[in-house]
């Protein structure tokens, strides 16, 4: 159980974020994602970016 107000607030924010994510997923399943949502998801899940060409990874 959180003891400080800051900790309680952070815990509450985490719960709200989780609920909003679940609502967004449910809405997408029911209505389908808009083109903008699809583009944002694609960019967010992109594995490589332009920075990968500039900054060498530790695997290279």
PDB file of N, CA and C in Angstrom:
ATOM      1  N   UNK A   1       0.847  -1.177   0.000  1.00  0.00           N
ATOM      2  CA  UNK A   1       0.000   0.000   0.000  1.00  0.00           C
ATOM      3  C   UNK A   1       0.888   1.234   0.000  1.00  0.00           C
ATOM      4  N   UNK A   2       0.644   2.190  -0.915  1.00  0.00           N
ATOM      5  CA  UNK A   2       1.486   3.378  -0.980  1.00  0.00           C
ATOM      6  C   UNK A   2       1.374   4.196   0.300  1.00  0.00           C
ATOM      7  N   UNK A   3       2.488   4.784   0.704  1.00  0.00           N
ATOM      8  CA  UNK A   3       2.484   5.536   1.947  1.00  0.00           C
ATOM      9  C   UNK A   3       2.500   7.044   1.710  1.00  0.00           C
ATOM     10  N   UNK A   4       3.118   7.511   0.651  1.00  0.00           N
ATOM     11  CA  UNK A   4       3.189   8.954   0.415  1.00  0.00           C
ATOM     12  C   UNK A   4       2.169   9.383  -0.627  1.00  0.00           C
ATOM     13  N   UNK A   5       1.813  10.664  -0.598  1.00  0.00           N
ATOM     14  CA  UNK A   5       0.852  11.184  -1.584  1.00  0.00           C
ATOM     15  C   UNK A   5       1.405  11.052  -2.997  1.00  0.00           C
ATOM     16  N   UNK A   6       2.687  11.320  -3.158  1.00  0.00           N
ATOM     17  CA  UNK A   6       3.303  11.204  -4.479  1.00  0.00           C
ATOM     18  C   UNK A   6       3.210   9.790  -5.013  1.00  0.00           C
ATOM     19  N   UNK A   7       3.481   8.841  -4.157  1.00  0.00           N
ATOM     20  CA  UNK A   7       3.411   7.436  -4.545  1.00  0.00           C
ATOM     21  C   UNK A   7       1.971   7.048  -4.872  1.00  0.00           C
ATOM     22  N   UNK A   8       1.035   7.512  -4.072  1.00  0.00           N
ATOM     23  CA  UNK A   8      -0.378   7.224  -4.316  1.00  0.00           C
ATOM     24  C   UNK A   8      -0.823   7.823  -5.643  1.00  0.00           C
ATOM     25  N   UNK A   9      -0.373   9.060  -5.929  1.00  0.00           N
ATOM     26  CA  UNK A   9      -0.718   9.717  -7.185  1.00  0.00           C
ATOM     27  C   UNK A   9      -0.156   8.974  -8.368  1.00  0.00           C
ATOM     28  N   UNK A  10       1.088   8.537  -8.263  1.00  0.00           N
ATOM     29  CA  UNK A  10       1.718   7.788  -9.351  1.00  0.00           C
ATOM     30  C   UNK A  10       0.990   6.467  -9.581  1.00  0.00           C
ATOM     31  N   UNK A  11       0.598   5.822  -8.507  1.00  0.00           N
ATOM     32  CA  UNK A  11      -0.129   4.552  -8.624  1.00  0.00           C
ATOM     33  C   UNK A  11      -1.473   4.784  -9.303  1.00  0.00           C
ATOM     34  N   UNK A  12      -2.154   5.867  -8.916  1.00  0.00           N
ATOM     35  CA  UNK A  12      -3.444   6.196  -9.510  1.00  0.00           C
ATOM     36  C   UNK A  12      -3.331   6.516 -10.988  1.00  0.00           C
ATOM     37  N   UNK A  13      -2.271   7.238 -11.355  1.00  0.00           N
ATOM     38  CA  UNK A  13      -2.051   7.577 -12.760  1.00  0.00           C
ATOM     39  C   UNK A  13      -1.828   6.306 -13.571  1.00  0.00           C
ATOM     40  N   UNK A  14      -1.071   5.374 -13.021  1.00  0.00           N
ATOM     41  CA  UNK A  14      -0.828   4.110 -13.707  1.00  0.00           C
ATOM     42  C   UNK A  14      -2.130   3.354 -13.961  1.00  0.00           C
ATOM     43  N   UNK A  15      -3.018   3.380 -12.979  1.00  0.00           N
ATOM     44  CA  UNK A  15      -4.304   2.703 -13.136  1.00  0.00           C
ATOM     45  C   UNK A  15      -5.146   3.381 -14.205  1.00  0.00           C
ATOM     46  N   UNK A  16      -5.139   4.707 -14.230  1.00  0.00           N
ATOM     47  CA  UNK A  16      -5.901   5.454 -15.230  1.00  0.00           C
ATOM     48  C   UNK A  16      -5.358   5.170 -16.620  1.00  0.00           C
ATOM     49  N   UNK A  17      -4.028   5.163 -16.766  1.00  0.00           N
ATOM     50  CA  UNK A  17      -3.422   4.876 -18.071  1.00  0.00           C
ATOM     51  C   UNK A  17      -3.820   3.479 -18.548  1.00  0.00           C
ATOM     52  N   UNK A  18      -3.801   2.521 -17.640  1.00  0.00           N
ATOM     53  CA  UNK A  18      -4.173   1.148 -18.005  1.00  0.00           C
ATOM     54  C   UNK A  18      -5.634   1.094 -18.466  1.00  0.00           C
ATOM     55  N   UNK A  19      -6.524   1.766 -17.746  1.00  0.00           N
ATOM     56  CA  UNK A  19      -7.940   1.786 -18.123  1.00  0.00           C
ATOM     57  C   UNK A  19      -8.144   2.448 -19.476  1.00  0.00           C
ATOM     58  N   UNK A  20      -7.454   3.574 -19.719  1.00  0.00           N
ATOM     59  CA  UNK A  20      -7.586   4.261 -21.001  1.00  0.00           C
ATOM     60  C   UNK A  20      -7.067   3.400 -22.149  1.00  0.00           C
ATOM     61  N   UNK A  21      -5.958   2.706 -21.926  1.00  0.00           N
ATOM     62  CA  UNK A  21      -5.429   1.813 -22.958  1.00  0.00           C
ATOM     63  C   UNK A  21      -6.415   0.695 -23.269  1.00  0.00           C
ATOM     64  N   UNK A  22      -7.017   0.139 -22.228  1.00  0.00           N
ATOM     65  CA  UNK A  22      -8.001  -0.932 -22.438  1.00  0.00           C
ATOM     66  C   UNK A  22      -9.219  -0.415 -23.191  1.00  0.00           C
ATOM     67  N   UNK A  23      -9.670   0.800 -22.871  1.00  0.00           N
ATOM     68  CA  UNK A  23     -10.812   1.391 -23.566  1.00  0.00           C
ATOM     69  C   UNK A  23     -10.476   1.654 -25.029  1.00  0.00           C
ATOM     70  N   UNK A  24      -9.272   2.154 -25.285  1.00  0.00           N
ATOM     71  CA  UNK A  24      -8.854   2.433 -26.659  1.00  0.00           C
ATOM     72  C   UNK A  24      -8.768   1.145 -27.467  1.00  0.00           C
ATOM     73  N   UNK A  25      -8.259   0.076 -26.857  1.00  0.00           N
ATOM     74  CA  UNK A  25      -8.179  -1.208 -27.545  1.00  0.00           C
ATOM     75  C   UNK A  25      -9.565  -1.754 -27.838  1.00  0.00           C
ATOM     76  N   UNK A  26     -10.476  -1.633 -26.885  1.00  0.00           N
ATOM     77  CA  UNK A  26     -11.843  -2.115 -27.089  1.00  0.00           C
ATOM     78  C   UNK A  26     -12.528  -1.327 -28.203  1.00  0.00           C
ATOM     79  N   UNK A  27     -12.348  -0.014 -28.212  1.00  0.00           N
ATOM     80  CA  UNK A  27     -12.956   0.818 -29.262  1.00  0.00           C
ATOM     81  C   UNK A  27     -12.386   0.458 -30.623  1.00  0.00           C
ATOM     82  N   UNK A  28     -11.091   0.211 -30.692  1.00  0.00           N
ATOM     83  CA  UNK A  28     -10.465  -0.158 -31.966  1.00  0.00           C
ATOM     84  C   UNK A  28     -10.996  -1.499 -32.456  1.00  0.00           C
ATOM     85  N   UNK A  29     -11.230  -2.426 -31.534  1.00  0.00           N
ATOM     86  CA  UNK A  29     -11.770  -3.730 -31.922  1.00  0.00           C
ATOM     87  C   UNK A  29     -13.197  -3.604 -32.442  1.00  0.00           C
ATOM     88  N   UNK A  30     -13.976  -2.726 -31.832  1.00  0.00           N
ATOM     89  CA  UNK A  30     -15.378  -2.564 -32.220  1.00  0.00           C
ATOM     90  C   UNK A  30     -15.502  -1.736 -33.499  1.00  0.00           C
ATOM     91  N   UNK A  31     -14.810  -0.596 -33.543  1.00  0.00           N
ATOM     92  CA  UNK A  31     -14.970   0.354 -34.645  1.00  0.00           C
ATOM     93  C   UNK A  31     -13.919   0.206 -35.731  1.00  0.00           C
ATOM     94  N   UNK A  32     -12.813  -0.408 -35.412  1.00  0.00           N
ATOM     95  CA  UNK A  32     -11.679  -0.417 -36.321  1.00  0.00           C
ATOM     96  C   UNK A  32     -10.867   0.846 -36.110  1.00  0.00           C
ATOM     97  N   UNK A  33      -9.587   0.751 -36.372  1.00  0.00           N
ATOM     98  CA  UNK A  33      -8.715   1.905 -36.171  1.00  0.00           C
ATOM     99  C   UNK A  33      -8.816   2.848 -37.357  1.00  0.00           C
ATOM    100  N   UNK A  34      -8.693   4.149 -37.075  1.00  0.00           N
ATOM    101  CA  UNK A  34      -8.656   5.130 -38.149  1.00  0.00           C
ATOM    102  C   UNK A  34      -7.297   5.039 -38.844  1.00  0.00           C
ATOM    103  N   UNK A  35      -7.195   5.663 -40.000  1.00  0.00           N
ATOM    104  CA  UNK A  35      -5.916   5.662 -40.715  1.00  0.00           C
ATOM    105  C   UNK A  35      -4.835   6.332 -39.880  1.00  0.00           C
ATOM    106  N   UNK A  36      -5.202   7.403 -39.190  1.00  0.00           N
ATOM    107  CA  UNK A  36      -4.227   8.092 -38.344  1.00  0.00           C
ATOM    108  C   UNK A  36      -3.761   7.190 -37.206  1.00  0.00           C
ATOM    109  N   UNK A  37      -4.694   6.487 -36.557  1.00  0.00           N
ATOM    110  CA  UNK A  37      -4.322   5.557 -35.483  1.00  0.00           C
ATOM    111  C   UNK A  37      -3.384   4.477 -36.004  1.00  0.00           C
ATOM    112  N   UNK A  38      -3.664   3.969 -37.186  1.00  0.00           N
ATOM    113  CA  UNK A  38      -2.825   2.934 -37.779  1.00  0.00           C
ATOM    114  C   UNK A  38      -1.419   3.465 -38.054  1.00  0.00           C
ATOM    115  N   UNK A  39      -1.340   4.700 -38.571  1.00  0.00           N
ATOM    116  CA  UNK A  39      -0.037   5.298 -38.863  1.00  0.00           C
ATOM    117  C   UNK A  39       0.760   5.522 -37.585  1.00  0.00           C
ATOM    118  N   UNK A  40       0.086   6.004 -36.539  1.00  0.00           N
ATOM    119  CA  UNK A  40       0.761   6.240 -35.255  1.00  0.00           C
ATOM    120  C   UNK A  40       1.250   4.919 -34.672  1.00  0.00           C
ATOM    121  N   UNK A  41       0.429   3.886 -34.717  1.00  0.00           N
ATOM    122  CA  UNK A  41       0.826   2.571 -34.194  1.00  0.00           C
ATOM    123  C   UNK A  41       2.013   2.019 -34.968  1.00  0.00           C
ATOM    124  N   UNK A  42       1.983   2.167 -36.280  1.00  0.00           N
ATOM    125  CA  UNK A  42       3.085   1.663 -37.104  1.00  0.00           C
ATOM    126  C   UNK A  42       4.392   2.363 -36.748  1.00  0.00           C
ATOM    127  N   UNK A  43       4.340   3.679 -36.576  1.00  0.00           N
ATOM    128  CA  UNK A  43       5.552   4.421 -36.221  1.00  0.00           C
ATOM    129  C   UNK A  43       6.027   4.064 -34.817  1.00  0.00           C
ATOM    130  N   UNK A  44       5.103   3.893 -33.889  1.00  0.00           N
ATOM    131  CA  UNK A  44       5.468   3.569 -32.507  1.00  0.00           C
ATOM    132  C   UNK A  44       6.110   2.201 -32.405  1.00  0.00           C
ATOM    133  N   UNK A  45       5.702   1.284 -33.272  1.00  0.00           N
ATOM    134  CA  UNK A  45       6.224  -0.081 -33.217  1.00  0.00           C
ATOM    135  C   UNK A  45       7.373  -0.321 -34.185  1.00  0.00           C
ATOM    136  N   UNK A  46       7.824   0.731 -34.857  1.00  0.00           N
ATOM    137  CA  UNK A  46       8.921   0.617 -35.814  1.00  0.00           C
ATOM    138  C   UNK A  46      10.195   0.218 -35.078  1.00  0.00           C
ATOM    139  N   UNK A  47      10.883  -0.767 -35.612  1.00  0.00           N
ATOM    140  CA  UNK A  47      12.095  -1.261 -34.953  1.00  0.00           C
ATOM    141  C   UNK A  47      13.323  -0.414 -35.292  1.00  0.00           C
ATOM    142  N   UNK A  48      13.412   0.061 -36.516  1.00  0.00           N
ATOM    143  CA  UNK A  48      14.562   0.845 -36.937  1.00  0.00           C
ATOM    144  C   UNK A  48      14.103   2.235 -37.345  1.00  0.00           C
ATOM    145  N   UNK A  49      14.958   3.223 -37.088  1.00  0.00           N
ATOM    146  CA  UNK A  49      14.653   4.595 -37.463  1.00  0.00           C
ATOM    147  C   UNK A  49      15.844   5.194 -38.194  1.00  0.00           C
ATOM    148  N   UNK A  50      15.695   6.439 -38.615  1.00  0.00           N
ATOM    149  CA  UNK A  50      16.795   7.135 -39.279  1.00  0.00           C
ATOM    150  C   UNK A  50      17.998   7.259 -38.357  1.00  0.00           C
ATOM    151  N   UNK A  51      17.747   7.337 -37.065  1.00  0.00           N
ATOM    152  CA  UNK A  51      18.849   7.452 -36.102  1.00  0.00           C
ATOM    153  C   UNK A  51      19.741   6.220 -36.101  1.00  0.00           C
ATOM    154  N   UNK A  52      19.178   5.073 -36.437  1.00  0.00           N
ATOM    155  CA  UNK A  52      19.978   3.852 -36.476  1.00  0.00           C
ATOM    156  C   UNK A  52      21.076   3.938 -37.532  1.00  0.00           C
ATOM    157  N   UNK A  53      20.840   4.716 -38.581  1.00  0.00           N
ATOM    158  CA  UNK A  53      21.859   4.904 -39.618  1.00  0.00           C
ATOM    159  C   UNK A  53      22.964   5.828 -39.127  1.00  0.00           C
ATOM    160  N   UNK A  54      22.631   6.738 -38.218  1.00  0.00           N
ATOM    161  CA  UNK A  54      23.593   7.725 -37.736  1.00  0.00           C
ATOM    162  C   UNK A  54      24.352   7.211 -36.521  1.00  0.00           C
ATOM    163  N   UNK A  55      23.617   6.608 -35.598  1.00  0.00           N
ATOM    164  CA  UNK A  55      24.192   6.140 -34.343  1.00  0.00           C
ATOM    165  C   UNK A  55      24.373   4.626 -34.411  1.00  0.00           C
ATOM    166  N   UNK A  56      25.603   4.141 -34.398  1.00  0.00           N
ATOM    167  CA  UNK A  56      25.799   2.677 -34.468  1.00  0.00           C
ATOM    168  C   UNK A  56      25.285   1.999 -33.203  1.00  0.00           C
ATOM    169  N   UNK A  57      24.662   0.858 -33.372  1.00  0.00           N
ATOM    170  CA  UNK A  57      24.170   0.122 -32.209  1.00  0.00           C
ATOM    171  C   UNK A  57      25.322  -0.678 -31.618  1.00  0.00           C
ATOM    172  N   UNK A  58      25.117  -1.140 -30.407  1.00  0.00           N
ATOM    173  CA  UNK A  58      26.162  -1.913 -29.725  1.00  0.00           C
ATOM    174  C   UNK A  58      26.316  -3.294 -30.334  1.00  0.00           C
ATOM    175  N   UNK A  59      25.337  -3.712 -31.147  1.00  0.00           N
ATOM    176  CA  UNK A  59      25.423  -5.022 -31.789  1.00  0.00           C
ATOM    177  C   UNK A  59      26.355  -5.009 -32.984  1.00  0.00           C
ATOM    178  N   UNK A  60      26.590  -3.796 -33.558  1.00  0.00           N
ATOM    179  CA  UNK A  60      27.473  -3.700 -34.746  1.00  0.00           C
ATOM    180  C   UNK A  60      28.923  -3.920 -34.393  1.00  0.00           C
TER     181      UNK A  60
END
